[in-house]
């Protein structure tokens, strides 16, 4: 398979996960989420879309770098990546779909651990792939803090 096709597929896989997560998110932002007490560091709502599109693009490029190695030693890193991608969607479902900061917080901790495991496993295959996931874990750390304070304040 040509490299440019692989990179497009990898990015589309990640963007698809983001699109699925947004199904649960979009309807809750102007309604339920707008009514919540939020901490002082909560970003304005318009920031989330561009940040997530950027992060899912970086995740796709990272995925490509590992997938492109094509060796047997990438099966475990790709599996861990798939798990964290599913957990990303599940967080949107729990927090926004079920309107549950509690279950969202429990799950985002699992997501953070899965992202860290992905970074570590990707580092063994491609340092570039691992470094591209650093903004993602930073943003999820902020999101976890935001989730925690929303849980406490509401």
Protein backbone atom coordinates (compact mmCIF):
# COMPACT_ATOMS: atom_id res chain seq x y z
CA UNK A 1 0.00 0.00 0.00
CA UNK A 2 1.30 3.46 -0.84
CA UNK A 3 2.47 5.56 2.10
CA UNK A 4 0.12 8.47 1.38
CA UNK A 5 -2.87 6.11 1.38
CA UNK A 6 -1.76 4.65 4.72
CA UNK A 7 -1.40 8.07 6.32
CA UNK A 8 -4.83 9.15 5.07
CA UNK A 9 -6.39 5.95 6.42
CA UNK A 10 -4.64 6.37 9.79
CA UNK A 11 -5.83 9.98 10.12
CA UNK A 12 -9.37 9.07 9.02
CA UNK A 13 -9.56 6.27 11.62
CA UNK A 14 -8.72 8.77 14.36
CA UNK A 15 -11.02 11.46 12.99
CA UNK A 16 -13.84 8.89 12.80
CA UNK A 17 -13.38 8.20 16.52
CA UNK A 18 -13.62 11.93 17.13
CA UNK A 19 -16.77 12.15 15.01
CA UNK A 20 -18.39 9.30 16.93
CA UNK A 21 -17.51 10.95 20.24
CA UNK A 22 -18.95 14.25 19.02
CA UNK A 23 -22.34 12.58 18.51
CA UNK A 24 -22.64 12.39 22.29
CA UNK A 25 -20.99 15.75 22.91
CA UNK A 26 -22.63 18.21 20.54
CA UNK A 27 -26.18 17.99 21.84
CA UNK A 28 -25.10 18.25 25.49
CA UNK A 29 -22.89 21.33 25.22
CA UNK A 30 -25.63 23.97 24.77
CA UNK A 31 -27.95 22.23 27.22
CA UNK A 32 -26.60 20.16 30.11
CA UNK A 33 -22.93 21.25 29.94
CA UNK A 34 -23.92 24.94 29.85
CA UNK A 35 -25.67 24.56 33.21
CA UNK A 36 -22.70 23.06 35.04
CA UNK A 37 -20.47 24.93 37.46
CA UNK A 38 -16.98 24.87 35.97
CA UNK A 39 -13.56 25.76 37.38
CA UNK A 40 -11.85 29.02 36.51
CA UNK A 41 -9.50 27.32 34.02
CA UNK A 42 -12.29 25.90 31.87
CA UNK A 43 -11.60 26.82 28.23
CA UNK A 44 -14.34 28.46 26.17
CA UNK A 45 -16.46 25.92 24.29
CA UNK A 46 -15.18 27.00 20.86
CA UNK A 47 -11.65 25.79 21.78
CA UNK A 48 -12.58 22.12 22.07
CA UNK A 49 -13.41 21.45 18.41
CA UNK A 50 -10.18 22.77 16.87
CA UNK A 51 -8.06 21.20 19.62
CA UNK A 52 -9.62 17.77 19.15
CA UNK A 53 -9.37 17.90 15.35
CA UNK A 54 -5.69 18.76 15.73
CA UNK A 55 -5.11 16.03 18.34
CA UNK A 56 -6.88 13.37 16.26
CA UNK A 57 -4.75 14.39 13.27
CA UNK A 58 -1.56 14.05 15.33
CA UNK A 59 -2.80 10.69 16.61
CA UNK A 60 -3.37 9.57 13.03
CA UNK A 61 0.12 10.60 11.96
CA UNK A 62 1.52 8.83 15.02
CA UNK A 63 -0.48 5.73 14.16
CA UNK A 64 0.89 5.87 10.62
CA UNK A 65 4.52 5.97 11.81
CA UNK A 66 4.01 2.76 13.80
CA UNK A 67 1.78 1.03 11.24
CA UNK A 68 4.30 1.80 8.49
CA UNK A 69 6.97 -0.24 10.30
CA UNK A 70 4.94 -3.30 9.27
CA UNK A 71 6.81 -5.67 11.55
CA UNK A 72 5.40 -8.15 14.03
CA UNK A 73 6.61 -5.98 16.90
CA UNK A 74 3.90 -3.40 16.13
CA UNK A 75 0.92 -5.63 16.91
CA UNK A 76 0.92 -4.86 20.65
CA UNK A 77 1.46 -1.10 20.24
CA UNK A 78 -1.33 -0.95 17.66
CA UNK A 79 -3.64 -2.90 19.97
CA UNK A 80 -2.91 -0.54 22.86
CA UNK A 81 -3.54 2.41 20.50
CA UNK A 82 -6.89 0.89 19.52
CA UNK A 83 -7.86 0.47 23.16
CA UNK A 84 -7.09 4.10 24.01
CA UNK A 85 -9.01 5.24 20.92
CA UNK A 86 -12.07 3.30 22.04
CA UNK A 87 -11.68 4.68 25.57
CA UNK A 88 -11.61 8.19 24.10
CA UNK A 89 -15.04 7.61 22.52
CA UNK A 90 -16.35 5.93 25.68
CA UNK A 91 -15.46 9.00 27.74
CA UNK A 92 -17.64 11.17 25.51
CA UNK A 93 -20.48 8.69 25.91
CA UNK A 94 -20.17 8.54 29.70
CA UNK A 95 -19.60 12.23 30.39
CA UNK A 96 -21.84 13.81 27.76
CA UNK A 97 -24.11 10.96 26.66
CA UNK A 98 -24.97 9.71 30.14
CA UNK A 99 -24.43 13.16 31.68
CA UNK A 100 -22.15 11.59 34.27
CA UNK A 101 -19.06 13.46 35.47
CA UNK A 102 -18.52 10.61 37.96
CA UNK A 103 -18.29 7.80 35.39
CA UNK A 104 -16.49 10.15 33.04
CA UNK A 105 -13.83 10.82 35.67
CA UNK A 106 -13.28 7.13 36.42
CA UNK A 107 -13.00 6.42 32.70
CA UNK A 108 -10.71 9.36 31.88
CA UNK A 109 -8.20 7.99 34.40
CA UNK A 110 -8.23 4.71 32.47
CA UNK A 111 -7.91 6.67 29.23
CA UNK A 112 -4.89 8.58 30.57
CA UNK A 113 -3.20 5.31 31.57
CA UNK A 114 -3.94 3.84 28.12
CA UNK A 115 -2.47 6.93 26.42
CA UNK A 116 0.67 6.63 28.54
CA UNK A 117 0.91 2.93 27.65
CA UNK A 118 0.50 3.87 23.98
CA UNK A 119 3.27 6.45 24.19
CA UNK A 120 5.61 3.97 25.87
CA UNK A 121 4.85 1.19 23.39
CA UNK A 122 5.09 3.55 20.38
CA UNK A 123 8.44 4.89 21.65
CA UNK A 124 9.92 1.42 21.24
CA UNK A 125 8.89 1.41 17.57
CA UNK A 126 9.11 5.09 16.57
CA UNK A 127 10.21 7.98 18.75
CA UNK A 128 8.42 10.41 16.39
CA UNK A 129 5.17 8.51 16.90
CA UNK A 130 5.53 8.74 20.67
CA UNK A 131 6.37 12.45 20.64
CA UNK A 132 3.31 13.22 18.52
CA UNK A 133 1.12 11.90 21.35
CA UNK A 134 2.53 14.27 24.00
CA UNK A 135 0.01 17.06 23.22
CA UNK A 136 -2.76 14.47 23.50
CA UNK A 137 -1.79 13.31 26.99
CA UNK A 138 -1.32 16.94 28.09
CA UNK A 139 -4.81 17.83 26.85
CA UNK A 140 -6.35 14.75 28.45
CA UNK A 141 -4.60 15.71 31.71
CA UNK A 142 -6.31 19.10 31.51
CA UNK A 143 -9.59 17.41 30.61
CA UNK A 144 -9.23 15.06 33.58
CA UNK A 145 -8.70 18.04 35.89
CA UNK A 146 -11.69 19.79 34.36
CA UNK A 147 -13.78 16.61 34.72
CA UNK A 148 -12.72 16.28 38.37
CA UNK A 149 -13.64 19.87 39.25
CA UNK A 150 -16.96 19.61 37.43
CA UNK A 151 -17.66 16.49 39.52
CA UNK A 152 -16.76 18.31 42.75
CA UNK A 153 -18.56 21.57 41.91
CA UNK A 154 -21.80 19.96 40.84
